[in-house]
Amino acid sequence: MQFLANDFETIYSSPSPETIYACTPAICVLESGRYVFTNDLIGPDAPAQPQFKGMQLAPHGGKPRCGQIYTSDDKGKTWQYRCARPFVHARPFEAGGHVYILGHCDDLVIYRSDDEGDTWDEGHFLTEGENWHQSACNVWVEEGYITLVMEVRWFAEGEVHSGWPVADMAPVVMRAKTDADLSKRESWTFSNRIRFRDMVNEDELDMHGIPFYPTKLHPKDYPANTYLAEISGWLETNIVRITDPAHYWYDESGKTFHLFMRAHTAGSGYCCIMKAVITEEDGHEVITVQPEQNPSGRKVIYLPMPGGQMRFHILWDEQTKLYWLLSTQATDTMRRRELLSAERYNIPCDERDRMQLSFSRNMVDWCFAGIVAKGDSEKQSRHYACMAIDGEDLVIVSRSGDQNTLSAHNTNLSTFHRVKNFRKLIY
């Protein structure tokens, strides 16, 4: 197979692959042509790195948060380190003549640059006393508004929750005018909060094999000498608007968005979906996240998607009126867990070494465009990628690993890839 962009430039390489891991790569292309890149570092030795010296890594007493900012003025050939800030799970975007980075440090935190990323402020918290999550998923900008999703984790009193609380995450739609000061809480409208466990009763699911393994809410409940998976859930949400008037889910008012989320089912090939409807009450926008329905009246929570089992990235191309999907290709999820190679991470659906590109006109039916990149072994990941359009090309940043990486999950590289003339892949 001829890969679309297997060659890469290394933006960041861990000085200690066994103790410092490069996560959450994100990229945006500014109107000037400059690229802005962010990532975060995790692992036991990350907070001790020189760039984080003297930085208040966890303002509210949570885990250390180690974020980095880079820029490139030569189309990604070389990268200039700009600064470090306390954030994780962030993404950069341009709005109103400023560049912002939105992530979290337990609470939501946003940083602003007024000089295209040369310098950055010290950040502004948009929430207080909460526990947020996300990844470098997409943003939707049109008609003077920016719309995106972050995820909040919360538990009701007395609830049992899993170690990986994907059932307890609520995708929260955030919307603001692009010319507002987005570093201020009052500039944003936040949606309601619905967790997976509030929407889906896993015991009632049947006929489509979800979940793949038996599940328990917490690993401590696993029977001895058995393997189960943590309870099903959703996470890492992208947001789009259906623009085709012929589509069953089209809203002619333009006030409905659709949320596409990674589906944790312990299997592959499905994403989760909800919709967000914008209404007006007393002169203010109200955003309500709720389930979508098919013409039969049946609710839609699970939807087939290539790579929906792993974090994916969706990009709308106005020129072709197509949605582009960057996801992880699964090739062998039915191999028994005890027979996996030592280089495979976790359960069979967690293959992470093949990055694929697809396109769709309706967010339901996907056409395979090609394999962007592939690692040289099963632990050399090319995954958790983020993309942007630069003219005729797709520019992509990936959470990657080489032969020195600790595992397919705890990777040592942030890499830059370019798919040239990507629109020629359409058929």
Protein backbone atom coordinates (compact mmCIF):
# COMPACT_ATOMS: atom_id res chain seq x y z
CA MET A 1 0.00 0.00 0.00
CA GLN A 2 1.13 3.54 -0.74
CA PHE A 3 0.68 5.60 2.43
CA LEU A 4 -0.70 9.12 2.19
CA ALA A 5 1.76 10.70 4.63
CA ASN A 6 3.98 8.12 6.31
CA ASP A 7 6.96 10.49 6.41
CA PHE A 8 6.90 13.04 9.20
CA GLU A 9 8.65 15.84 11.02
CA THR A 10 9.16 15.37 14.74
CA ILE A 11 7.79 18.28 16.75
CA TYR A 12 8.52 16.82 20.17
CA SER A 13 10.54 13.80 21.29
CA SER A 14 10.52 12.63 24.89
CA PRO A 15 13.92 12.78 26.60
CA SER A 16 12.82 9.82 28.75
CA PRO A 17 10.33 7.56 26.92
CA GLU A 18 9.81 5.34 29.95
CA THR A 19 8.74 8.21 32.23
CA ILE A 20 7.56 11.12 30.01
CA TYR A 21 4.82 10.63 27.41
CA ALA A 22 3.69 12.98 24.64
CA CYS A 23 -0.10 13.31 24.48
CA THR A 24 -2.95 15.34 22.93
CA PRO A 25 -1.33 16.80 19.80
CA ALA A 26 -3.41 19.63 18.29
CA ILE A 27 -2.95 22.02 15.39
CA CYS A 28 -4.61 25.04 13.85
CA VAL A 29 -3.70 27.03 10.76
CA LEU A 30 -4.00 30.78 11.28
CA GLU A 31 -5.25 33.15 8.59
CA SER A 32 -1.66 34.39 8.23
CA GLY A 33 -0.50 30.86 7.38
CA ARG A 34 1.28 30.26 10.69
CA TYR A 35 0.72 26.90 12.38
CA VAL A 36 0.06 26.73 16.11
CA PHE A 37 0.65 23.38 17.83
CA THR A 38 -0.05 22.24 21.38
CA ASN A 39 0.53 19.03 23.27
CA ASP A 40 0.73 17.92 26.88
CA LEU A 41 3.18 15.72 28.71
CA ILE A 42 2.21 13.10 31.25
CA GLY A 43 4.17 10.52 33.21
CA PRO A 44 6.01 10.55 36.53
CA ASP A 45 8.90 12.73 35.36
CA ALA A 46 6.96 15.23 33.23
CA PRO A 47 6.47 17.91 35.93
CA ALA A 48 10.24 17.96 36.61
CA GLN A 49 11.11 19.04 33.06
CA PRO A 50 12.90 22.42 32.81
CA GLN A 51 10.08 24.12 30.85
CA PHE A 52 7.72 23.57 33.77
CA LYS A 53 10.08 24.85 36.46
CA GLY A 54 8.35 27.43 38.64
CA MET A 55 5.02 26.90 36.90
CA GLN A 56 1.96 26.35 39.07
CA LEU A 57 1.04 22.99 37.60
CA ALA A 58 -2.19 22.31 39.46
CA PRO A 59 -3.90 25.51 40.63
CA HIS A 60 -6.69 23.66 42.41
CA GLY A 61 -4.65 20.89 43.97
CA GLY A 62 -5.25 18.27 41.29
CA LYS A 63 -2.77 16.36 39.17
CA PRO A 64 0.10 18.27 37.54
CA ARG A 65 -0.89 19.63 34.11
CA CYS A 66 2.00 20.14 31.69
CA GLY A 67 1.07 21.80 28.39
CA GLN A 68 3.37 23.10 25.64
CA ILE A 69 2.90 25.58 22.77
CA TYR A 70 4.84 25.68 19.48
CA THR A 71 4.55 27.62 16.22
CA SER A 72 5.79 27.04 12.67
CA ASP A 73 6.25 29.61 9.90
CA ASP A 74 7.61 27.25 7.25
CA LYS A 75 4.69 24.87 6.73
CA GLY A 76 5.68 22.50 9.52
CA LYS A 77 9.28 21.88 8.50
CA THR A 78 10.60 23.41 11.71
CA TRP A 79 8.91 24.30 14.99
CA GLN A 80 9.62 27.01 17.54
CA TYR A 81 8.90 26.27 21.19
CA ARG A 82 7.03 29.23 22.68
CA CYS A 83 6.10 28.47 26.27
CA ALA A 84 4.57 26.06 28.76
CA ARG A 85 1.27 26.47 30.53
CA PRO A 86 -0.75 24.30 32.95
CA PHE A 87 -3.26 22.51 30.71
CA VAL A 88 -4.12 19.13 29.20
CA HIS A 89 -6.59 17.91 26.55
CA ALA A 90 -6.41 21.26 24.76
CA ARG A 91 -6.90 22.61 21.28
CA PRO A 92 -5.85 25.92 19.67
CA PHE A 93 -8.18 28.01 17.49
CA GLU A 94 -8.37 31.50 16.02
CA ALA A 95 -11.27 33.87 16.68
CA GLY A 96 -11.78 37.61 16.57
CA GLY A 97 -8.16 38.39 15.76
CA HIS A 98 -6.84 36.39 18.71
CA VAL A 99 -5.53 32.86 19.14
CA TYR A 100 -6.93 30.80 22.00
CA ILE A 101 -6.09 27.49 23.62
CA LEU A 102 -8.94 25.80 25.48
CA GLY A 103 -8.19 22.86 27.73
CA HIS A 104 -8.53 22.03 31.36
CA CYS A 105 -6.55 21.99 34.56
CA ASP A 106 -9.27 20.03 36.33
CA ASP A 107 -11.46 23.14 35.69
CA LEU A 108 -11.78 24.57 32.20
CA VAL A 109 -8.94 26.98 31.42
CA ILE A 110 -8.39 29.17 28.36
CA TYR A 111 -5.27 31.04 27.22
CA ARG A 112 -5.09 33.94 24.78
CA SER A 113 -2.41 35.28 22.46
CA ASP A 114 -2.65 38.68 20.78
CA ASP A 115 0.45 38.20 18.58
CA GLU A 116 -0.33 34.98 16.70
CA GLY A 117 1.17 32.72 19.33
CA ASP A 118 4.47 34.45 20.08
CA THR A 119 3.40 35.17 23.67
CA TRP A 120 0.53 33.97 25.85
CA ASP A 121 -1.30 35.23 28.88
CA GLU A 122 -1.44 33.36 32.17
CA GLY A 123 -4.87 31.90 31.53
CA HIS A 124 -8.43 32.32 32.74
CA PHE A 125 -10.62 29.72 34.42
CA LEU A 126 -14.13 29.30 33.04
CA THR A 127 -15.35 26.97 35.81
CA GLU A 128 -14.59 26.38 39.47
CA GLY A 129 -14.35 23.18 41.48
CA GLU A 130 -15.20 20.79 38.62
CA ASN A 131 -13.56 17.87 36.83
CA TRP A 132 -13.35 18.24 33.04
CA HIS A 133 -12.07 16.06 30.22
CA GLN A 134 -11.68 16.04 26.42
CA SER A 135 -9.14 15.65 23.65
CA ALA A 136 -8.06 17.80 20.72
CA CYS A 137 -11.35 17.40 18.88
CA ASN A 138 -12.80 19.82 16.35
CA VAL A 139 -14.38 23.26 16.50
CA TRP A 140 -17.21 24.51 14.28
CA VAL A 141 -16.97 28.14 13.14
CA GLU A 142 -19.65 29.79 11.03
CA GLU A 143 -21.77 32.93 10.87
CA GLY A 144 -19.85 34.69 13.61
CA TYR A 145 -20.08 31.88 16.18
CA ILE A 146 -17.72 29.22 17.44
CA THR A 147 -19.21 25.98 18.75
CA LEU A 148 -17.30 23.15 20.40
CA VAL A 149 -17.58 20.48 23.09
CA MET A 150 -15.82 19.83 26.37
CA GLU A 151 -16.78 17.03 28.77
CA VAL A 152 -17.48 17.24 32.48
CA ARG A 153 -17.28 14.28 34.86
CA TRP A 154 -19.58 14.12 37.84
CA PHE A 155 -21.11 11.60 40.19
CA ALA A 156 -24.34 11.75 42.14
CA GLU A 157 -24.14 11.14 45.88
CA GLY A 158 -23.84 7.44 46.65
CA GLU A 159 -23.12 6.39 43.06
CA VAL A 160 -20.53 3.71 42.38
CA HIS A 161 -18.25 4.67 39.52
CA SER A 162 -15.55 2.95 37.53
CA GLY A 163 -11.85 3.66 37.50
CA TRP A 164 -12.20 4.99 33.94
CA PRO A 165 -15.43 6.99 34.28
CA VAL A 166 -16.60 7.12 30.68
CA ALA A 167 -20.16 6.38 31.82
CA ASP A 168 -20.04 9.49 33.98
CA MET A 169 -18.94 11.98 31.32
CA ALA A 170 -21.38 14.56 29.98
CA PRO A 171 -20.58 16.26 26.65
CA VAL A 172 -21.13 19.98 27.21
CA VAL A 173 -21.63 22.15 24.13
CA MET A 174 -19.99 25.57 24.42
CA ARG A 175 -20.91 28.40 22.05
CA ALA A 176 -19.75 32.00 21.76
CA LYS A 177 -19.54 34.87 19.30
CA THR A 178 -16.16 34.91 17.61
CA ASP A 179 -15.66 38.63 18.26
CA ALA A 180 -16.26 38.28 22.03
CA ASP A 181 -13.50 38.02 24.60
CA LEU A 182 -13.48 34.25 24.90
CA SER A 183 -11.29 34.37 27.99
CA LYS A 184 -14.37 35.52 29.93
CA ARG A 185 -16.91 33.04 31.29
CA GLU A 186 -19.84 35.30 30.40
CA SER A 187 -18.92 35.16 26.70
CA TRP A 188 -19.88 31.48 26.54
CA THR A 189 -23.22 29.69 26.55
CA PHE A 190 -23.04 26.20 28.07
CA SER A 191 -25.46 23.37 27.33
CA ASN A 192 -27.18 21.03 29.77
CA ARG A 193 -25.34 17.97 31.07
CA ILE A 194 -26.35 14.39 30.25
CA ARG A 195 -24.07 11.51 31.15
CA PHE A 196 -23.94 8.22 29.30
CA ARG A 197 -25.31 6.35 32.34
CA ASP A 198 -28.28 8.76 32.37
CA MET A 199 -29.09 7.93 28.73
CA VAL A 200 -28.25 4.25 28.33
CA ASN A 201 -29.12 1.25 30.46
CA GLU A 202 -26.43 -1.22 29.47
CA ASP A 203 -28.54 -4.15 30.71
CA GLU A 204 -31.17 -3.36 28.06
CA LEU A 205 -28.76 -3.39 25.12
CA ASP A 206 -28.99 -6.42 22.87
CA MET A 207 -28.84 -7.67 19.29
CA HIS A 208 -25.76 -5.67 18.24
CA GLY A 209 -23.16 -7.14 20.58
CA ILE A 210 -22.60 -4.14 22.85
CA PRO A 211 -20.80 -4.42 25.20
CA PHE A 212 -18.31 -6.95 23.84
CA TYR A 213 -17.27 -8.27 27.27
CA PRO A 214 -19.30 -8.53 30.46
CA THR A 215 -18.86 -5.33 32.46
CA LYS A 216 -18.77 -4.13 36.03
CA LEU A 217 -18.82 -0.60 37.36
CA HIS A 218 -15.52 -1.02 39.13
CA PRO A 219 -12.57 -3.44 38.72
CA LYS A 220 -12.85 -4.43 42.38
CA ASP A 221 -16.10 -6.16 41.47
CA TYR A 222 -14.46 -8.45 38.91
CA PRO A 223 -14.71 -12.14 39.86
CA ALA A 224 -11.35 -13.76 40.49
CA ASN A 225 -9.47 -15.07 37.43
CA THR A 226 -11.88 -13.55 34.91
CA TYR A 227 -11.56 -10.70 32.46
CA LEU A 228 -14.25 -8.08 32.13
CA ALA A 229 -14.33 -4.54 30.76
CA GLU A 230 -15.30 -1.35 32.49
CA ILE A 231 -18.86 -0.21 31.89
CA SER A 232 -19.69 1.27 28.49
CA GLY A 233 -19.55 5.01 27.90
CA TRP A 234 -18.67 7.86 25.57
CA LEU A 235 -15.88 10.44 25.39
CA GLU A 236 -13.80 12.73 23.15
CA THR A 237 -16.60 14.53 21.34
CA ASN A 238 -16.58 16.15 17.89
CA ILE A 239 -19.37 18.46 16.74
CA VAL A 240 -20.81 19.09 13.26
CA ARG A 241 -23.82 20.63 11.62
CA ILE A 242 -25.73 18.71 8.96
CA THR A 243 -25.77 21.07 5.98
CA ASP A 244 -27.60 19.00 3.34
CA PRO A 245 -31.34 19.87 3.11
CA ALA A 246 -32.00 16.33 1.81
CA HIS A 247 -30.63 14.74 4.99
CA TYR A 248 -33.13 13.22 7.43
CA TRP A 249 -31.44 15.03 10.33
CA TYR A 250 -31.23 18.44 8.62
CA ASP A 251 -32.60 21.44 10.50
CA GLU A 252 -33.42 24.32 8.18
CA SER A 253 -33.08 26.80 11.05
CA GLY A 254 -29.40 25.91 11.41
CA LYS A 255 -29.89 25.55 15.15
CA THR A 256 -29.16 21.83 15.46
CA PHE A 257 -25.70 20.35 15.83
CA HIS A 258 -24.70 16.71 16.10
CA LEU A 259 -22.20 15.31 18.57
CA PHE A 260 -20.09 12.34 17.52
CA MET A 261 -18.23 10.61 20.33
CA ARG A 262 -15.80 7.76 20.76
CA ALA A 263 -17.83 4.77 21.95
CA HIS A 264 -16.27 2.61 24.64
CA THR A 265 -17.91 -0.76 23.99
CA ALA A 266 -14.79 -2.98 24.30
CA GLY A 267 -15.43 -3.69 20.62
CA SER A 268 -14.92 -1.73 17.40
CA GLY A 269 -16.75 0.03 14.62
CA TYR A 270 -19.26 2.16 16.54
CA CYS A 271 -19.35 5.75 17.70
CA CYS A 272 -21.94 7.40 19.93
CA ILE A 273 -24.17 10.24 18.78
CA MET A 274 -26.34 12.91 20.37
CA LYS A 275 -27.68 16.20 19.06
CA ALA A 276 -27.67 19.72 20.48
CA VAL A 277 -30.63 21.99 19.76
CA ILE A 278 -30.37 25.76 20.22
CA THR A 279 -33.49 27.66 21.28
CA GLU A 280 -34.09 31.10 22.71
CA GLU A 281 -35.52 31.93 26.11
CA ASP A 282 -35.87 35.50 27.40
CA GLY A 283 -33.50 36.73 24.72
CA HIS A 284 -30.76 34.24 25.53
CA GLU A 285 -29.64 31.10 23.73
CA VAL A 286 -30.33 27.79 25.43
CA ILE A 287 -28.50 24.66 24.22
CA THR A 288 -30.09 21.29 24.95
CA VAL A 289 -28.21 18.04 24.35
CA GLN A 290 -30.63 15.20 23.62
CA PRO A 291 -30.83 11.95 21.62
CA GLU A 292 -31.40 11.91 17.88
CA GLN A 293 -34.16 9.81 16.29
CA ASN A 294 -34.51 7.92 13.04
CA PRO A 295 -37.71 8.15 10.97
CA SER A 296 -38.95 5.05 12.80
CA GLY A 297 -38.97 7.06 16.01
CA ARG A 298 -36.20 4.91 17.47
CA LYS A 299 -33.52 6.77 19.40
CA VAL A 300 -30.02 6.69 17.94
CA ILE A 301 -27.13 6.40 20.40
CA TYR A 302 -24.79 4.04 18.53
CA LEU A 303 -23.84 4.59 14.90
CA PRO A 304 -21.39 2.62 12.75
CA MET A 305 -18.14 4.50 12.15
CA PRO A 306 -14.71 3.29 10.98
CA GLY A 307 -12.47 3.73 14.01
CA GLY A 308 -15.25 4.89 16.32
CA GLN A 309 -13.75 2.80 19.13
CA MET A 310 -10.74 5.13 19.41
CA ARG A 311 -10.40 8.91 19.52
CA PHE A 312 -11.13 10.34 16.07
CA HIS A 313 -11.17 13.80 14.48
CA ILE A 314 -13.81 15.22 12.12
CA LEU A 315 -13.21 18.12 9.74
CA TRP A 316 -15.75 19.86 7.49
CA ASP A 317 -14.47 20.99 4.09
CA GLU A 318 -16.66 23.79 2.79
CA GLN A 319 -15.17 23.53 -0.70
CA THR A 320 -16.26 19.91 -1.29
CA LYS A 321 -19.17 19.86 1.18
CA LEU A 322 -17.70 16.71 2.67
CA TYR A 323 -16.86 15.61 6.20
CA TRP A 324 -13.38 14.15 6.65
CA LEU A 325 -12.61 11.59 9.33
CA LEU A 326 -9.19 10.79 10.77
CA SER A 327 -9.38 7.63 12.84
CA THR A 328 -7.59 4.47 13.91
CA GLN A 329 -8.02 1.39 11.74
CA ALA A 330 -8.77 -1.85 13.56
CA THR A 331 -7.71 -5.03 11.76
CA ASP A 332 -8.05 -7.89 14.23
CA THR A 333 -10.39 -7.15 17.13
CA MET A 334 -11.65 -10.74 17.34
CA ARG A 335 -8.31 -12.21 18.38
CA ARG A 336 -8.58 -13.67 21.86
CA ARG A 337 -7.03 -11.38 24.39
CA GLU A 338 -4.64 -13.99 25.78
CA LEU A 339 -3.23 -14.53 22.28
CA LEU A 340 -2.33 -10.88 21.58
CA SER A 341 1.32 -10.04 21.03
CA ALA A 342 3.27 -8.43 23.85
CA GLU A 343 3.37 -5.18 21.86
CA ARG A 344 -0.42 -4.82 21.69
CA TYR A 345 -1.97 -2.51 24.25
CA ASN A 346 -4.89 -3.53 26.48
CA ILE A 347 -7.83 -5.32 24.80
CA PRO A 348 -8.14 -6.43 21.15
CA CYS A 349 -9.97 -3.30 19.94
CA ASP A 350 -7.06 -1.12 21.10
CA GLU A 351 -4.96 -1.39 17.95
CA ARG A 352 -3.26 1.98 17.57
CA ASP A 353 -0.63 1.76 14.82
CA ARG A 354 -2.69 2.51 11.66
CA MET A 355 -4.08 6.00 10.96
CA GLN A 356 -6.81 6.05 8.31
CA LEU A 357 -8.59 8.82 6.40
CA SER A 358 -12.21 8.62 5.24
CA PHE A 359 -14.79 11.03 3.85
CA SER A 360 -18.57 11.24 3.93
CA ARG A 361 -21.37 13.41 2.61
CA ASN A 362 -23.75 12.58 5.47
CA MET A 363 -21.76 11.50 8.58
CA VAL A 364 -23.25 8.00 8.30
CA ASP A 365 -21.77 6.41 5.16
CA TRP A 366 -17.98 6.60 4.96
CA CYS A 367 -15.66 6.16 1.98
CA PHE A 368 -12.12 4.96 2.66
CA ALA A 369 -9.56 7.45 1.33
CA GLY A 370 -6.35 5.74 2.45
CA ILE A 371 -3.94 4.92 5.24
CA VAL A 372 -2.22 8.12 6.31
CA ALA A 373 0.58 6.50 8.29
CA LYS A 374 1.53 3.26 10.00
CA GLY A 375 3.99 2.45 12.76
CA ASP A 376 6.73 -0.10 12.22
CA SER A 377 5.33 -2.32 14.98
CA GLU A 378 2.13 -2.67 16.96
CA LYS A 379 3.42 -0.49 19.79
CA GLN A 380 4.60 2.31 17.46
CA SER A 381 1.32 4.19 17.40
CA ARG A 382 -0.05 6.66 14.88
CA HIS A 383 -3.22 7.74 16.62
CA TYR A 384 -5.09 10.45 18.57
CA ALA A 385 -4.45 12.67 15.56
CA CYS A 386 -5.72 16.17 14.82
CA MET A 387 -5.98 17.78 11.38
CA ALA A 388 -6.53 21.12 9.67
CA ILE A 389 -6.81 22.33 6.08
CA ASP A 390 -4.00 24.38 4.56
CA GLY A 391 -4.94 25.23 0.99
CA GLU A 392 -5.03 21.97 -0.95
CA ASP A 393 -3.41 19.93 1.80
CA LEU A 394 -4.38 18.32 5.07
CA VAL A 395 -1.90 18.96 7.87
CA ILE A 396 -1.96 16.37 10.63
CA VAL A 397 -0.33 15.99 14.03
CA SER A 398 -0.18 12.58 15.67
CA ARG A 399 0.49 10.97 19.03
CA SER A 400 3.21 8.65 17.79
CA GLY A 401 5.87 6.24 18.91
CA ASP A 402 9.12 4.86 17.58
CA GLN A 403 11.19 1.87 18.67
CA ASN A 404 11.91 3.60 22.00
CA THR A 405 8.30 4.15 23.00
CA LEU A 406 7.11 2.61 26.26
CA SER A 407 3.83 1.33 24.82
CA ALA A 408 1.19 1.99 22.19
CA HIS A 409 -0.59 4.19 24.73
CA ASN A 410 2.31 5.95 26.46
CA THR A 411 4.08 7.26 23.39
CA ASN A 412 7.24 9.32 23.03
CA LEU A 413 6.68 11.49 19.94
CA SER A 414 4.49 14.26 18.57
CA THR A 415 4.75 14.09 14.77
CA PHE A 416 3.65 16.29 11.85
CA HIS A 417 2.32 14.83 8.58
CA ARG A 418 1.04 16.37 5.35
CA VAL A 419 -1.49 14.80 2.97
CA LYS A 420 -0.95 16.67 -0.28
CA ASN A 421 -3.88 17.46 -2.57
CA PHE A 422 -6.28 15.59 -0.30
CA ARG A 423 -9.34 16.49 -2.37
CA LYS A 424 -7.98 14.35 -5.22
CA LEU A 425 -8.72 11.32 -3.02
CA ILE A 426 -12.46 11.82 -3.58
CA TYR A 427 -14.18 9.26 -5.79
